[in-house]
C-alpha atoms as a PDB file:
ATOM      1  CA  UNK A   1     -30.822 -13.862  -4.790  1.00  0.00           C
ATOM      2  CA  UNK A   2     -28.437 -11.558  -3.026  1.00  0.00           C
ATOM      3  CA  UNK A   3     -25.387 -13.017  -1.391  1.00  0.00           C
ATOM      4  CA  UNK A   4     -25.197 -12.610   2.377  1.00  0.00           C
ATOM      5  CA  UNK A   5     -22.668  -9.974   3.417  1.00  0.00           C
ATOM      6  CA  UNK A   6     -19.446 -11.617   4.510  1.00  0.00           C
ATOM      7  CA  UNK A   7     -17.211 -10.119   7.144  1.00  0.00           C
ATOM      8  CA  UNK A   8     -13.669  -9.352   6.017  1.00  0.00           C
ATOM      9  CA  UNK A   9     -11.085 -11.910   6.935  1.00  0.00           C
ATOM     10  CA  UNK A  10      -8.627 -11.013   9.689  1.00  0.00           C
ATOM     11  CA  UNK A  11      -5.637  -9.214   8.228  1.00  0.00           C
ATOM     12  CA  UNK A  12      -7.320  -8.467   4.918  1.00  0.00           C
ATOM     13  CA  UNK A  13      -7.244  -4.715   5.481  1.00  0.00           C
ATOM     14  CA  UNK A  14      -3.585  -4.850   6.459  1.00  0.00           C
ATOM     15  CA  UNK A  15      -2.672  -6.808   3.315  1.00  0.00           C
ATOM     16  CA  UNK A  16      -4.754  -4.478   1.139  1.00  0.00           C
ATOM     17  CA  UNK A  17      -3.091  -1.395   2.635  1.00  0.00           C
ATOM     18  CA  UNK A  18       0.369  -2.919   2.109  1.00  0.00           C
ATOM     19  CA  UNK A  19      -0.447  -3.809  -1.490  1.00  0.00           C
ATOM     20  CA  UNK A  20      -1.790  -0.312  -2.142  1.00  0.00           C
ATOM     21  CA  UNK A  21       1.378   1.268  -0.742  1.00  0.00           C
ATOM     22  CA  UNK A  22       3.613  -0.861  -2.972  1.00  0.00           C
ATOM     23  CA  UNK A  23       1.527  -0.265  -6.095  1.00  0.00           C
ATOM     24  CA  UNK A  24       1.545   3.473  -5.423  1.00  0.00           C
ATOM     25  CA  UNK A  25       5.307   3.409  -4.937  1.00  0.00           C
ATOM     26  CA  UNK A  26       5.861   1.507  -8.185  1.00  0.00           C
ATOM     27  CA  UNK A  27       3.607   3.896 -10.111  1.00  0.00           C
ATOM     28  CA  UNK A  28       5.369   6.953  -8.680  1.00  0.00           C
ATOM     29  CA  UNK A  29       8.839   5.508  -9.177  1.00  0.00           C
ATOM     30  CA  UNK A  30       8.198   4.203 -12.676  1.00  0.00           C
ATOM     31  CA  UNK A  31       6.302   7.252 -13.846  1.00  0.00           C
ATOM     32  CA  UNK A  32       8.646   9.945 -12.553  1.00  0.00           C
ATOM     33  CA  UNK A  33       9.692  10.799 -16.107  1.00  0.00           C
ATOM     34  CA  UNK A  34       6.113  11.308 -17.360  1.00  0.00           C
ATOM     35  CA  UNK A  35       4.671  14.809 -17.494  1.00  0.00           C
ATOM     36  CA  UNK A  36       2.046  14.662 -14.721  1.00  0.00           C
ATOM     37  CA  UNK A  37       4.540  13.244 -12.218  1.00  0.00           C
ATOM     38  CA  UNK A  38       7.476  15.496 -13.078  1.00  0.00           C
ATOM     39  CA  UNK A  39       6.279  18.099 -10.587  1.00  0.00           C
ATOM     40  CA  UNK A  40       6.486  15.685  -7.644  1.00  0.00           C
ATOM     41  CA  UNK A  41       9.387  16.505  -5.344  1.00  0.00           C
ATOM     42  CA  UNK A  42      11.755  13.697  -4.414  1.00  0.00           C
ATOM     43  CA  UNK A  43      10.745  13.757  -0.772  1.00  0.00           C
ATOM     44  CA  UNK A  44       7.227  12.636  -1.714  1.00  0.00           C
ATOM     45  CA  UNK A  45       8.625   9.533  -3.412  1.00  0.00           C
ATOM     46  CA  UNK A  46      10.854   8.877  -0.384  1.00  0.00           C
ATOM     47  CA  UNK A  47       7.873   9.331   1.937  1.00  0.00           C
ATOM     48  CA  UNK A  48       5.768   6.812  -0.024  1.00  0.00           C
ATOM     49  CA  UNK A  49       8.733   4.394  -0.112  1.00  0.00           C
ATOM     50  CA  UNK A  50       9.106   4.687   3.667  1.00  0.00           C
ATOM     51  CA  UNK A  51       5.394   4.061   4.136  1.00  0.00           C
ATOM     52  CA  UNK A  52       5.510   0.978   1.886  1.00  0.00           C
ATOM     53  CA  UNK A  53       8.509  -0.460   3.731  1.00  0.00           C
ATOM     54  CA  UNK A  54       6.886   0.160   7.125  1.00  0.00           C
ATOM     55  CA  UNK A  55       3.667  -1.528   5.972  1.00  0.00           C
ATOM     56  CA  UNK A  56       5.653  -4.536   4.749  1.00  0.00           C
ATOM     57  CA  UNK A  57       7.598  -4.746   8.021  1.00  0.00           C
ATOM     58  CA  UNK A  58       4.366  -4.528  10.011  1.00  0.00           C
ATOM     59  CA  UNK A  59       2.832  -7.259   7.862  1.00  0.00           C
ATOM     60  CA  UNK A  60       5.831  -9.544   8.325  1.00  0.00           C
ATOM     61  CA  UNK A  61       6.458  -8.930  12.029  1.00  0.00           C
ATOM     62  CA  UNK A  62       2.953  -8.458  13.395  1.00  0.00           C
ATOM     63  CA  UNK A  63       0.287  -9.814  11.051  1.00  0.00           C
ATOM     64  CA  UNK A  64      -3.258  -9.200  12.217  1.00  0.00           C
ATOM     65  CA  UNK A  65      -4.605 -12.713  12.272  1.00  0.00           C
ATOM     66  CA  UNK A  66      -7.162 -12.343  15.030  1.00  0.00           C
ATOM     67  CA  UNK A  67      -9.767  -9.761  15.831  1.00  0.00           C
END
């Protein structure tokens, strides 16, 4: 039987977005020396780092616990 569709928990999207930003930053930062990522300008890495830090600050200061 199929499982009933569950609604996402409050804050799940915010945590997922924060995790995605940090994983993307780590991949870009760690892979800067590899061929496909050599063409990335430094401002792109700084932009992703800024986004990841802002997502973390938003998660720590204003977590979305309620709908």
